[in-house]
């Protein structure tokens, strides 16, 4: 529901297959104060450029949440992340399948930006 209106309806599996395809990559900035924020921004840009069709979903100070389509091979995701981690010195990353909560947040964001 968004603003009191139902925008999607279905079983857990239906919602996951329709809206949850792909992976969530979470990047965590270095806790080292000597590492500039620009390096973290450069890392995000490098990853978004290298992993075609990936999108920045959300961002807060110190971390970024990216969506990577399922058509991107996992080995390529990890290879890109390891390369970026070495080149741009961010703390760590996680790669996971989309949770139901992430799917709902993505649907809400799509609706708010009129992509749905």
PDB file of N, CA and C in Angstrom:
ATOM      1  N   UNK A   1       0.834  -1.180   0.000  1.00  0.00           N
ATOM      2  CA  UNK A   1       0.000   0.000   0.000  1.00  0.00           C
ATOM      3  C   UNK A   1       0.879   1.243   0.000  1.00  0.00           C
ATOM      4  N   UNK A   2       0.491   2.196  -0.805  1.00  0.00           N
ATOM      5  CA  UNK A   2       1.128   3.504  -0.830  1.00  0.00           C
ATOM      6  C   UNK A   2       0.016   4.531  -0.779  1.00  0.00           C
ATOM      7  N   UNK A   3       0.081   5.404   0.210  1.00  0.00           N
ATOM      8  CA  UNK A   3      -0.947   6.438   0.386  1.00  0.00           C
ATOM      9  C   UNK A   3      -2.344   5.820   0.425  1.00  0.00           C
ATOM     10  N   UNK A   4      -2.476   4.675   1.101  1.00  0.00           N
ATOM     11  CA  UNK A   4      -3.772   4.031   1.265  1.00  0.00           C
ATOM     12  C   UNK A   4      -4.272   3.248   0.072  1.00  0.00           C
ATOM     13  N   UNK A   5      -3.447   3.086  -0.961  1.00  0.00           N
ATOM     14  CA  UNK A   5      -3.857   2.341  -2.161  1.00  0.00           C
ATOM     15  C   UNK A   5      -2.984   1.110  -2.331  1.00  0.00           C
ATOM     16  N   UNK A   6      -3.616   0.004  -2.691  1.00  0.00           N
ATOM     17  CA  UNK A   6      -2.875  -1.230  -2.956  1.00  0.00           C
ATOM     18  C   UNK A   6      -2.199  -1.088  -4.316  1.00  0.00           C
ATOM     19  N   UNK A   7      -0.885  -1.290  -4.340  1.00  0.00           N
ATOM     20  CA  UNK A   7      -0.167  -1.161  -5.611  1.00  0.00           C
ATOM     21  C   UNK A   7       0.341  -2.496  -6.134  1.00  0.00           C
ATOM     22  N   UNK A   8       0.368  -3.516  -5.284  1.00  0.00           N
ATOM     23  CA  UNK A   8       0.726  -4.849  -5.756  1.00  0.00           C
ATOM     24  C   UNK A   8       0.082  -5.869  -4.829  1.00  0.00           C
ATOM     25  N   UNK A   9      -0.219  -7.000  -5.404  1.00  0.00           N
ATOM     26  CA  UNK A   9      -0.908  -8.037  -4.658  1.00  0.00           C
ATOM     27  C   UNK A   9      -0.446  -9.383  -5.186  1.00  0.00           C
ATOM     28  N   UNK A  10      -0.197 -10.302  -4.297  1.00  0.00           N
ATOM     29  CA  UNK A  10       0.196 -11.631  -4.731  1.00  0.00           C
ATOM     30  C   UNK A  10       0.868 -12.393  -3.614  1.00  0.00           C
ATOM     31  N   UNK A  11       1.182 -13.629  -3.911  1.00  0.00           N
ATOM     32  CA  UNK A  11       1.868 -14.470  -2.932  1.00  0.00           C
ATOM     33  C   UNK A  11       3.320 -14.014  -2.798  1.00  0.00           C
ATOM     34  N   UNK A  12       3.980 -14.502  -1.775  1.00  0.00           N
ATOM     35  CA  UNK A  12       5.385 -14.184  -1.562  1.00  0.00           C
ATOM     36  C   UNK A  12       6.211 -14.537  -2.797  1.00  0.00           C
ATOM     37  N   UNK A  13       6.003 -15.726  -3.339  1.00  0.00           N
ATOM     38  CA  UNK A  13       6.761 -16.159  -4.509  1.00  0.00           C
ATOM     39  C   UNK A  13       6.469 -15.283  -5.724  1.00  0.00           C
ATOM     40  N   UNK A  14       5.203 -14.906  -5.914  1.00  0.00           N
ATOM     41  CA  UNK A  14       4.836 -14.041  -7.038  1.00  0.00           C
ATOM     42  C   UNK A  14       5.538 -12.688  -6.924  1.00  0.00           C
ATOM     43  N   UNK A  15       5.503 -12.085  -5.736  1.00  0.00           N
ATOM     44  CA  UNK A  15       6.135 -10.779  -5.540  1.00  0.00           C
ATOM     45  C   UNK A  15       7.642 -10.863  -5.726  1.00  0.00           C
ATOM     46  N   UNK A  16       8.249 -11.943  -5.217  1.00  0.00           N
ATOM     47  CA  UNK A  16       9.697 -12.105  -5.375  1.00  0.00           C
ATOM     48  C   UNK A  16      10.082 -12.301  -6.837  1.00  0.00           C
ATOM     49  N   UNK A  17       9.299 -13.074  -7.566  1.00  0.00           N
ATOM     50  CA  UNK A  17       9.651 -13.320  -8.967  1.00  0.00           C
ATOM     51  C   UNK A  17       9.386 -12.095  -9.837  1.00  0.00           C
ATOM     52  N   UNK A  18       8.378 -11.303  -9.497  1.00  0.00           N
ATOM     53  CA  UNK A  18       8.051 -10.132 -10.317  1.00  0.00           C
ATOM     54  C   UNK A  18       8.937  -8.928  -9.999  1.00  0.00           C
ATOM     55  N   UNK A  19       9.200  -8.685  -8.715  1.00  0.00           N
ATOM     56  CA  UNK A  19       9.901  -7.462  -8.323  1.00  0.00           C
ATOM     57  C   UNK A  19      11.269  -7.698  -7.689  1.00  0.00           C
ATOM     58  N   UNK A  20      11.566  -8.912  -7.295  1.00  0.00           N
ATOM     59  CA  UNK A  20      12.773  -9.145  -6.518  1.00  0.00           C
ATOM     60  C   UNK A  20      13.908  -9.776  -7.267  1.00  0.00           C
ATOM     61  N   UNK A  21      13.878  -9.718  -8.567  1.00  0.00           N
ATOM     62  CA  UNK A  21      14.923 -10.362  -9.345  1.00  0.00           C
ATOM     63  C   UNK A  21      16.232  -9.608  -9.178  1.00  0.00           C
ATOM     64  N   UNK A  22      17.287 -10.351  -8.964  1.00  0.00           N
ATOM     65  CA  UNK A  22      18.599  -9.743  -8.838  1.00  0.00           C
ATOM     66  C   UNK A  22      19.161  -9.866  -7.439  1.00  0.00           C
ATOM     67  N   UNK A  23      20.161  -9.045  -7.190  1.00  0.00           N
ATOM     68  CA  UNK A  23      20.897  -9.097  -5.933  1.00  0.00           C
ATOM     69  C   UNK A  23      20.986  -7.701  -5.333  1.00  0.00           C
ATOM     70  N   UNK A  24      21.131  -7.672  -4.033  1.00  0.00           N
ATOM     71  CA  UNK A  24      21.406  -6.428  -3.337  1.00  0.00           C
ATOM     72  C   UNK A  24      22.865  -6.458  -2.919  1.00  0.00           C
ATOM     73  N   UNK A  25      23.586  -5.408  -3.260  1.00  0.00           N
ATOM     74  CA  UNK A  25      24.980  -5.255  -2.864  1.00  0.00           C
ATOM     75  C   UNK A  25      25.044  -4.058  -1.924  1.00  0.00           C
ATOM     76  N   UNK A  26      25.578  -4.283  -0.743  1.00  0.00           N
ATOM     77  CA  UNK A  26      25.726  -3.198   0.224  1.00  0.00           C
ATOM     78  C   UNK A  26      27.214  -2.935   0.409  1.00  0.00           C
ATOM     79  N   UNK A  27      27.613  -1.695   0.160  1.00  0.00           N
ATOM     80  CA  UNK A  27      29.000  -1.276   0.333  1.00  0.00           C
ATOM     81  C   UNK A  27      29.123  -0.502   1.635  1.00  0.00           C
ATOM     82  N   UNK A  28      30.165  -0.786   2.395  1.00  0.00           N
ATOM     83  CA  UNK A  28      30.420  -0.082   3.652  1.00  0.00           C
ATOM     84  C   UNK A  28      31.734   0.679   3.518  1.00  0.00           C
ATOM     85  N   UNK A  29      31.681   1.978   3.760  1.00  0.00           N
ATOM     86  CA  UNK A  29      32.867   2.824   3.638  1.00  0.00           C
ATOM     87  C   UNK A  29      33.895   2.456   4.699  1.00  0.00           C
ATOM     88  N   UNK A  30      35.122   2.812   4.433  1.00  0.00           N
ATOM     89  CA  UNK A  30      36.201   2.565   5.380  1.00  0.00           C
ATOM     90  C   UNK A  30      35.983   3.379   6.647  1.00  0.00           C
ATOM     91  N   UNK A  31      36.331   2.794   7.768  1.00  0.00           N
ATOM     92  CA  UNK A  31      36.226   3.514   9.043  1.00  0.00           C
ATOM     93  C   UNK A  31      37.471   4.348   9.303  1.00  0.00           C
ATOM     94  N   UNK A  32      38.422   4.259   8.404  1.00  0.00           N
ATOM     95  CA  UNK A  32      39.663   5.009   8.518  1.00  0.00           C
ATOM     96  C   UNK A  32      39.414   6.459   8.115  1.00  0.00           C
ATOM     97  N   UNK A  33      39.629   7.414   9.022  1.00  0.00           N
ATOM     98  CA  UNK A  33      39.361   8.814   8.673  1.00  0.00           C
ATOM     99  C   UNK A  33      40.298   9.358   7.603  1.00  0.00           C
ATOM    100  N   UNK A  34      41.421   8.672   7.366  1.00  0.00           N
ATOM    101  CA  UNK A  34      42.351   9.129   6.336  1.00  0.00           C
ATOM    102  C   UNK A  34      41.859   8.816   4.926  1.00  0.00           C
ATOM    103  N   UNK A  35      40.917   7.881   4.825  1.00  0.00           N
ATOM    104  CA  UNK A  35      40.375   7.521   3.513  1.00  0.00           C
ATOM    105  C   UNK A  35      39.266   8.511   3.176  1.00  0.00           C
ATOM    106  N   UNK A  36      39.426   9.207   2.087  1.00  0.00           N
ATOM    107  CA  UNK A  36      38.484  10.261   1.727  1.00  0.00           C
ATOM    108  C   UNK A  36      37.145   9.704   1.263  1.00  0.00           C
ATOM    109  N   UNK A  37      36.110  10.505   1.471  1.00  0.00           N
ATOM    110  CA  UNK A  37      34.771  10.146   1.002  1.00  0.00           C
ATOM    111  C   UNK A  37      34.749  10.026  -0.519  1.00  0.00           C
ATOM    112  N   UNK A  38      35.599  10.807  -1.178  1.00  0.00           N
ATOM    113  CA  UNK A  38      35.651  10.763  -2.638  1.00  0.00           C
ATOM    114  C   UNK A  38      36.022   9.366  -3.132  1.00  0.00           C
ATOM    115  N   UNK A  39      36.899   8.673  -2.415  1.00  0.00           N
ATOM    116  CA  UNK A  39      37.258   7.310  -2.812  1.00  0.00           C
ATOM    117  C   UNK A  39      36.043   6.394  -2.774  1.00  0.00           C
ATOM    118  N   UNK A  40      35.199   6.574  -1.759  1.00  0.00           N
ATOM    119  CA  UNK A  40      33.982   5.764  -1.663  1.00  0.00           C
ATOM    120  C   UNK A  40      33.049   6.101  -2.818  1.00  0.00           C
ATOM    121  N   UNK A  41      32.925   7.383  -3.139  1.00  0.00           N
ATOM    122  CA  UNK A  41      32.105   7.793  -4.284  1.00  0.00           C
ATOM    123  C   UNK A  41      32.664   7.224  -5.585  1.00  0.00           C
ATOM    124  N   UNK A  42      33.988   7.238  -5.719  1.00  0.00           N
ATOM    125  CA  UNK A  42      34.623   6.661  -6.908  1.00  0.00           C
ATOM    126  C   UNK A  42      34.366   5.158  -6.992  1.00  0.00           C
ATOM    127  N   UNK A  43      34.400   4.481  -5.849  1.00  0.00           N
ATOM    128  CA  UNK A  43      34.126   3.038  -5.822  1.00  0.00           C
ATOM    129  C   UNK A  43      32.708   2.757  -6.288  1.00  0.00           C
ATOM    130  N   UNK A  44      31.734   3.513  -5.775  1.00  0.00           N
ATOM    131  CA  UNK A  44      30.334   3.328  -6.189  1.00  0.00           C
ATOM    132  C   UNK A  44      30.192   3.539  -7.687  1.00  0.00           C
ATOM    133  N   UNK A  45      30.800   4.608  -8.185  1.00  0.00           N
ATOM    134  CA  UNK A  45      30.683   4.907  -9.614  1.00  0.00           C
ATOM    135  C   UNK A  45      31.322   3.812 -10.461  1.00  0.00           C
ATOM    136  N   UNK A  46      32.477   3.324 -10.032  1.00  0.00           N
ATOM    137  CA  UNK A  46      33.160   2.244 -10.755  1.00  0.00           C
ATOM    138  C   UNK A  46      32.281   0.994 -10.817  1.00  0.00           C
ATOM    139  N   UNK A  47      31.683   0.638  -9.687  1.00  0.00           N
ATOM    140  CA  UNK A  47      30.839  -0.560  -9.623  1.00  0.00           C
ATOM    141  C   UNK A  47      29.598  -0.386 -10.483  1.00  0.00           C
ATOM    142  N   UNK A  48      28.951   0.773 -10.395  1.00  0.00           N
ATOM    143  CA  UNK A  48      27.744   1.019 -11.192  1.00  0.00           C
ATOM    144  C   UNK A  48      28.046   1.014 -12.687  1.00  0.00           C
ATOM    145  N   UNK A  49      29.217   1.481 -13.055  1.00  0.00           N
ATOM    146  CA  UNK A  49      29.606   1.501 -14.469  1.00  0.00           C
ATOM    147  C   UNK A  49      29.971   0.102 -14.960  1.00  0.00           C
ATOM    148  N   UNK A  50      30.688  -0.653 -14.139  1.00  0.00           N
ATOM    149  CA  UNK A  50      31.157  -1.982 -14.538  1.00  0.00           C
ATOM    150  C   UNK A  50      30.030  -3.005 -14.559  1.00  0.00           C
ATOM    151  N   UNK A  51      29.161  -2.956 -13.553  1.00  0.00           N
ATOM    152  CA  UNK A  51      28.034  -3.892 -13.490  1.00  0.00           C
ATOM    153  C   UNK A  51      26.860  -3.265 -14.231  1.00  0.00           C
ATOM    154  N   UNK A  52      26.745  -3.577 -15.487  1.00  0.00           N
ATOM    155  CA  UNK A  52      25.721  -2.987 -16.357  1.00  0.00           C
ATOM    156  C   UNK A  52      24.328  -3.155 -15.766  1.00  0.00           C
ATOM    157  N   UNK A  53      23.518  -2.134 -15.912  1.00  0.00           N
ATOM    158  CA  UNK A  53      22.123  -2.102 -15.452  1.00  0.00           C
ATOM    159  C   UNK A  53      21.976  -2.139 -13.936  1.00  0.00           C
ATOM    160  N   UNK A  54      23.072  -2.002 -13.197  1.00  0.00           N
ATOM    161  CA  UNK A  54      22.940  -1.900 -11.742  1.00  0.00           C
ATOM    162  C   UNK A  54      22.521  -0.476 -11.400  1.00  0.00           C
ATOM    163  N   UNK A  55      21.872  -0.332 -10.247  1.00  0.00           N
ATOM    164  CA  UNK A  55      21.344   0.974  -9.860  1.00  0.00           C
ATOM    165  C   UNK A  55      21.625   1.226  -8.388  1.00  0.00           C
ATOM    166  N   UNK A  56      21.858   2.486  -8.069  1.00  0.00           N
ATOM    167  CA  UNK A  56      21.992   2.891  -6.678  1.00  0.00           C
ATOM    168  C   UNK A  56      20.593   2.984  -6.105  1.00  0.00           C
ATOM    169  N   UNK A  57      20.296   2.162  -5.099  1.00  0.00           N
ATOM    170  CA  UNK A  57      18.954   2.136  -4.527  1.00  0.00           C
ATOM    171  C   UNK A  57      18.824   3.127  -3.384  1.00  0.00           C
ATOM    172  N   UNK A  58      19.779   3.113  -2.468  1.00  0.00           N
ATOM    173  CA  UNK A  58      19.758   4.072  -1.368  1.00  0.00           C
ATOM    174  C   UNK A  58      21.184   4.311  -0.904  1.00  0.00           C
ATOM    175  N   UNK A  59      21.328   5.414  -0.193  1.00  0.00           N
ATOM    176  CA  UNK A  59      22.663   5.806   0.232  1.00  0.00           C
ATOM    177  C   UNK A  59      22.542   6.621   1.512  1.00  0.00           C
ATOM    178  N   UNK A  60      23.367   6.301   2.462  1.00  0.00           N
ATOM    179  CA  UNK A  60      23.484   7.086   3.683  1.00  0.00           C
ATOM    180  C   UNK A  60      24.966   7.226   3.962  1.00  0.00           C
ATOM    181  N   UNK A  61      25.291   8.085   4.890  1.00  0.00           N
ATOM    182  CA  UNK A  61      26.698   8.290   5.189  1.00  0.00           C
ATOM    183  C   UNK A  61      27.342   6.967   5.604  1.00  0.00           C
ATOM    184  N   UNK A  62      28.329   6.568   4.855  1.00  0.00           N
ATOM    185  CA  UNK A  62      29.063   5.360   5.202  1.00  0.00           C
ATOM    186  C   UNK A  62      28.629   4.082   4.522  1.00  0.00           C
ATOM    187  N   UNK A  63      27.496   4.113   3.833  1.00  0.00           N
ATOM    188  CA  UNK A  63      27.128   2.900   3.099  1.00  0.00           C
ATOM    189  C   UNK A  63      26.251   3.222   1.898  1.00  0.00           C
ATOM    190  N   UNK A  64      26.252   2.296   0.954  1.00  0.00           N
ATOM    191  CA  UNK A  64      25.438   2.429  -0.256  1.00  0.00           C
ATOM    192  C   UNK A  64      24.797   1.083  -0.551  1.00  0.00           C
ATOM    193  N   UNK A  65      23.565   1.132  -1.008  1.00  0.00           N
ATOM    194  CA  UNK A  65      22.761  -0.051  -1.299  1.00  0.00           C
ATOM    195  C   UNK A  65      22.501  -0.066  -2.806  1.00  0.00           C
ATOM    196  N   UNK A  66      23.028  -1.072  -3.505  1.00  0.00           N
ATOM    197  CA  UNK A  66      22.908  -1.163  -4.958  1.00  0.00           C
ATOM    198  C   UNK A  66      22.041  -2.354  -5.340  1.00  0.00           C
ATOM    199  N   UNK A  67      21.341  -2.225  -6.451  1.00  0.00           N
ATOM    200  CA  UNK A  67      20.583  -3.352  -7.001  1.00  0.00           C
ATOM    201  C   UNK A  67      21.289  -3.801  -8.272  1.00  0.00           C
ATOM    202  N   UNK A  68      21.599  -5.091  -8.334  1.00  0.00           N
ATOM    203  CA  UNK A  68      22.274  -5.673  -9.497  1.00  0.00           C
ATOM    204  C   UNK A  68      21.339  -6.713 -10.093  1.00  0.00           C
ATOM    205  N   UNK A  69      21.059  -6.632 -11.403  1.00  0.00           N
ATOM    206  CA  UNK A  69      20.135  -7.591 -12.018  1.00  0.00           C
ATOM    207  C   UNK A  69      20.660  -9.024 -11.960  1.00  0.00           C
ATOM    208  N   UNK A  70      19.722  -9.959 -11.956  1.00  0.00           N
ATOM    209  CA  UNK A  70      20.106 -11.375 -11.864  1.00  0.00           C
ATOM    210  C   UNK A  70      20.822 -11.867 -13.114  1.00  0.00           C
ATOM    211  N   UNK A  71      20.764 -11.113 -14.194  1.00  0.00           N
ATOM    212  CA  UNK A  71      21.472 -11.506 -15.418  1.00  0.00           C
ATOM    213  C   UNK A  71      22.980 -11.332 -15.275  1.00  0.00           C
ATOM    214  N   UNK A  72      23.415 -10.618 -14.245  1.00  0.00           N
ATOM    215  CA  UNK A  72      24.844 -10.437 -14.002  1.00  0.00           C
ATOM    216  C   UNK A  72      25.370 -11.667 -13.267  1.00  0.00           C
ATOM    217  N   UNK A  73      26.355 -12.355 -13.835  1.00  0.00           N
ATOM    218  CA  UNK A  73      26.888 -13.553 -13.173  1.00  0.00           C
ATOM    219  C   UNK A  73      27.501 -13.211 -11.811  1.00  0.00           C
ATOM    220  N   UNK A  74      27.269 -14.083 -10.837  1.00  0.00           N
ATOM    221  CA  UNK A  74      27.789 -13.845  -9.487  1.00  0.00           C
ATOM    222  C   UNK A  74      29.308 -13.686  -9.468  1.00  0.00           C
ATOM    223  N   UNK A  75      30.009 -14.504 -10.245  1.00  0.00           N
ATOM    224  CA  UNK A  75      31.466 -14.394 -10.238  1.00  0.00           C
ATOM    225  C   UNK A  75      31.903 -13.011 -10.695  1.00  0.00           C
ATOM    226  N   UNK A  76      31.178 -12.413 -11.645  1.00  0.00           N
ATOM    227  CA  UNK A  76      31.528 -11.080 -12.137  1.00  0.00           C
ATOM    228  C   UNK A  76      31.230 -10.020 -11.080  1.00  0.00           C
ATOM    229  N   UNK A  77      30.146 -10.199 -10.331  1.00  0.00           N
ATOM    230  CA  UNK A  77      29.830  -9.268  -9.239  1.00  0.00           C
ATOM    231  C   UNK A  77      30.970  -9.276  -8.222  1.00  0.00           C
ATOM    232  N   UNK A  78      31.372 -10.481  -7.783  1.00  0.00           N
ATOM    233  CA  UNK A  78      32.435 -10.578  -6.780  1.00  0.00           C
ATOM    234  C   UNK A  78      33.773 -10.082  -7.320  1.00  0.00           C
ATOM    235  N   UNK A  79      34.064 -10.383  -8.568  1.00  0.00           N
ATOM    236  CA  UNK A  79      35.304  -9.919  -9.182  1.00  0.00           C
ATOM    237  C   UNK A  79      35.345  -8.389  -9.207  1.00  0.00           C
ATOM    238  N   UNK A  80      34.237  -7.773  -9.589  1.00  0.00           N
ATOM    239  CA  UNK A  80      34.149  -6.314  -9.648  1.00  0.00           C
ATOM    240  C   UNK A  80      34.282  -5.704  -8.258  1.00  0.00           C
ATOM    241  N   UNK A  81      33.614  -6.303  -7.277  1.00  0.00           N
ATOM    242  CA  UNK A  81      33.671  -5.777  -5.914  1.00  0.00           C
ATOM    243  C   UNK A  81      35.074  -5.900  -5.318  1.00  0.00           C
ATOM    244  N   UNK A  82      35.732  -7.021  -5.554  1.00  0.00           N
ATOM    245  CA  UNK A  82      37.093  -7.191  -5.037  1.00  0.00           C
ATOM    246  C   UNK A  82      38.054  -6.204  -5.695  1.00  0.00           C
ATOM    247  N   UNK A  83      37.897  -5.999  -6.993  1.00  0.00           N
ATOM    248  CA  UNK A  83      38.724  -5.027  -7.702  1.00  0.00           C
ATOM    249  C   UNK A  83      38.500  -3.625  -7.132  1.00  0.00           C
ATOM    250  N   UNK A  84      37.245  -3.255  -6.939  1.00  0.00           N
ATOM    251  CA  UNK A  84      36.925  -1.928  -6.401  1.00  0.00           C
ATOM    252  C   UNK A  84      37.435  -1.783  -4.968  1.00  0.00           C
ATOM    253  N   UNK A  85      37.326  -2.838  -4.183  1.00  0.00           N
ATOM    254  CA  UNK A  85      37.790  -2.786  -2.791  1.00  0.00           C
ATOM    255  C   UNK A  85      39.294  -2.542  -2.741  1.00  0.00           C
ATOM    256  N   UNK A  86      40.037  -3.184  -3.624  1.00  0.00           N
ATOM    257  CA  UNK A  86      41.483  -2.999  -3.687  1.00  0.00           C
ATOM    258  C   UNK A  86      41.842  -1.596  -4.174  1.00  0.00           C
ATOM    259  N   UNK A  87      41.165  -1.136  -5.202  1.00  0.00           N
ATOM    260  CA  UNK A  87      41.488   0.164  -5.812  1.00  0.00           C
ATOM    261  C   UNK A  87      41.021   1.354  -4.986  1.00  0.00           C
ATOM    262  N   UNK A  88      39.881   1.210  -4.305  1.00  0.00           N
ATOM    263  CA  UNK A  88      39.270   2.375  -3.662  1.00  0.00           C
ATOM    264  C   UNK A  88      39.188   2.274  -2.139  1.00  0.00           C
ATOM    265  N   UNK A  89      39.648   1.199  -1.563  1.00  0.00           N
ATOM    266  CA  UNK A  89      39.779   1.056  -0.108  1.00  0.00           C
ATOM    267  C   UNK A  89      38.501   1.282   0.688  1.00  0.00           C
ATOM    268  N   UNK A  90      37.412   0.593   0.339  1.00  0.00           N
ATOM    269  CA  UNK A  90      36.255   0.634   1.232  1.00  0.00           C
ATOM    270  C   UNK A  90      36.336  -0.561   2.179  1.00  0.00           C
ATOM    271  N   UNK A  91      35.602  -0.492   3.271  1.00  0.00           N
ATOM    272  CA  UNK A  91      35.729  -1.466   4.369  1.00  0.00           C
ATOM    273  C   UNK A  91      35.348  -2.891   3.954  1.00  0.00           C
ATOM    274  N   UNK A  92      34.099  -3.079   3.558  1.00  0.00           N
ATOM    275  CA  UNK A  92      33.638  -4.400   3.135  1.00  0.00           C
ATOM    276  C   UNK A  92      32.321  -4.267   2.373  1.00  0.00           C
ATOM    277  N   UNK A  93      31.839  -5.400   1.887  1.00  0.00           N
ATOM    278  CA  UNK A  93      30.591  -5.423   1.127  1.00  0.00           C
ATOM    279  C   UNK A  93      29.835  -6.700   1.445  1.00  0.00           C
ATOM    280  N   UNK A  94      28.549  -6.687   1.142  1.00  0.00           N
ATOM    281  CA  UNK A  94      27.738  -7.902   1.224  1.00  0.00           C
ATOM    282  C   UNK A  94      26.952  -8.034  -0.072  1.00  0.00           C
ATOM    283  N   UNK A  95      26.718  -9.267  -0.471  1.00  0.00           N
ATOM    284  CA  UNK A  95      25.897  -9.573  -1.643  1.00  0.00           C
ATOM    285  C   UNK A  95      24.829 -10.544  -1.170  1.00  0.00           C
ATOM    286  N   UNK A  96      23.576 -10.226  -1.440  1.00  0.00           N
ATOM    287  CA  UNK A  96      22.493 -11.098  -0.985  1.00  0.00           C
ATOM    288  C   UNK A  96      21.326 -11.064  -1.958  1.00  0.00           C
ATOM    289  N   UNK A  97      20.519 -12.113  -1.887  1.00  0.00           N
ATOM    290  CA  UNK A  97      19.279 -12.098  -2.652  1.00  0.00           C
ATOM    291  C   UNK A  97      18.341 -11.106  -1.982  1.00  0.00           C
ATOM    292  N   UNK A  98      17.428 -10.560  -2.752  1.00  0.00           N
ATOM    293  CA  UNK A  98      16.516  -9.561  -2.215  1.00  0.00           C
ATOM    294  C   UNK A  98      15.559 -10.169  -1.201  1.00  0.00           C
ATOM    295  N   UNK A  99      15.424  -9.506  -0.066  1.00  0.00           N
ATOM    296  CA  UNK A  99      14.462  -9.929   0.950  1.00  0.00           C
ATOM    297  C   UNK A  99      13.103  -9.320   0.616  1.00  0.00           C
ATOM    298  N   UNK A 100      12.069  -9.812   1.260  1.00  0.00           N
ATOM    299  CA  UNK A 100      10.733  -9.267   1.044  1.00  0.00           C
ATOM    300  C   UNK A 100      10.690  -7.790   1.435  1.00  0.00           C
ATOM    301  N   UNK A 101      11.380  -7.430   2.501  1.00  0.00           N
ATOM    302  CA  UNK A 101      11.431  -6.021   2.915  1.00  0.00           C
ATOM    303  C   UNK A 101      12.064  -5.160   1.825  1.00  0.00           C
ATOM    304  N   UNK A 102      13.171  -5.622   1.243  1.00  0.00           N
ATOM    305  CA  UNK A 102      13.826  -4.871   0.177  1.00  0.00           C
ATOM    306  C   UNK A 102      12.917  -4.743  -1.038  1.00  0.00           C
ATOM    307  N   UNK A 103      12.167  -5.788  -1.327  1.00  0.00           N
ATOM    308  CA  UNK A 103      11.229  -5.744  -2.452  1.00  0.00           C
ATOM    309  C   UNK A 103      10.163  -4.686  -2.202  1.00  0.00           C
ATOM    310  N   UNK A 104       9.598  -4.654  -1.002  1.00  0.00           N
ATOM    311  CA  UNK A 104       8.579  -3.646  -0.694  1.00  0.00           C
ATOM    312  C   UNK A 104       9.157  -2.237  -0.760  1.00  0.00           C
ATOM    313  N   UNK A 105      10.369  -2.047  -0.255  1.00  0.00           N
ATOM    314  CA  UNK A 105      10.990  -0.725  -0.327  1.00  0.00           C
ATOM    315  C   UNK A 105      11.228  -0.308  -1.776  1.00  0.00           C
ATOM    316  N   UNK A 106      11.647  -1.263  -2.602  1.00  0.00           N
ATOM    317  CA  UNK A 106      11.881  -0.964  -4.013  1.00  0.00           C
ATOM    318  C   UNK A 106      10.568  -0.612  -4.720  1.00  0.00           C
ATOM    319  N   UNK A 107       9.495  -1.352  -4.423  1.00  0.00           N
ATOM    320  CA  UNK A 107       8.183  -1.061  -5.012  1.00  0.00           C
ATOM    321  C   UNK A 107       7.721   0.324  -4.582  1.00  0.00           C
ATOM    322  N   UNK A 108       7.898   0.640  -3.309  1.00  0.00           N
ATOM    323  CA  UNK A 108       7.506   1.954  -2.799  1.00  0.00           C
ATOM    324  C   UNK A 108       8.276   3.063  -3.501  1.00  0.00           C
ATOM    325  N   UNK A 109       9.579   2.876  -3.649  1.00  0.00           N
ATOM    326  CA  UNK A 109      10.396   3.890  -4.322  1.00  0.00           C
ATOM    327  C   UNK A 109       9.989   4.031  -5.787  1.00  0.00           C
ATOM    328  N   UNK A 110       9.724   2.902  -6.458  1.00  0.00           N
ATOM    329  CA  UNK A 110       9.291   2.956  -7.859  1.00  0.00           C
ATOM    330  C   UNK A 110       7.978   3.717  -7.984  1.00  0.00           C
ATOM    331  N   UNK A 111       7.066   3.475  -7.075  1.00  0.00           N
ATOM    332  CA  UNK A 111       5.767   4.145  -7.115  1.00  0.00           C
ATOM    333  C   UNK A 111       5.926   5.641  -6.868  1.00  0.00           C
ATOM    334  N   UNK A 112       6.777   5.997  -5.906  1.00  0.00           N
ATOM    335  CA  UNK A 112       6.985   7.409  -5.591  1.00  0.00           C
ATOM    336  C   UNK A 112       7.653   8.156  -6.736  1.00  0.00           C
ATOM    337  N   UNK A 113       8.480   7.473  -7.518  1.00  0.00           N
ATOM    338  CA  UNK A 113       9.131   8.123  -8.659  1.00  0.00           C
ATOM    339  C   UNK A 113       8.371   7.871  -9.958  1.00  0.00           C
ATOM    340  N   UNK A 114       7.163   7.334  -9.822  1.00  0.00           N
ATOM    341  CA  UNK A 114       6.251   7.104 -10.955  1.00  0.00           C
ATOM    342  C   UNK A 114       6.824   6.170 -12.010  1.00  0.00           C
ATOM    343  N   UNK A 115       7.614   5.185 -11.591  1.00  0.00           N
ATOM    344  CA  UNK A 115       8.138   4.179 -12.512  1.00  0.00           C
ATOM    345  C   UNK A 115       7.230   2.969 -12.567  1.00  0.00           C
ATOM    346  N   UNK A 116       6.098   3.037 -11.910  1.00  0.00           N
ATOM    347  CA  UNK A 116       5.184   1.902 -11.841  1.00  0.00           C
ATOM    348  C   UNK A 116       3.815   2.308 -12.303  1.00  0.00           C
TER     349      UNK A 116
END
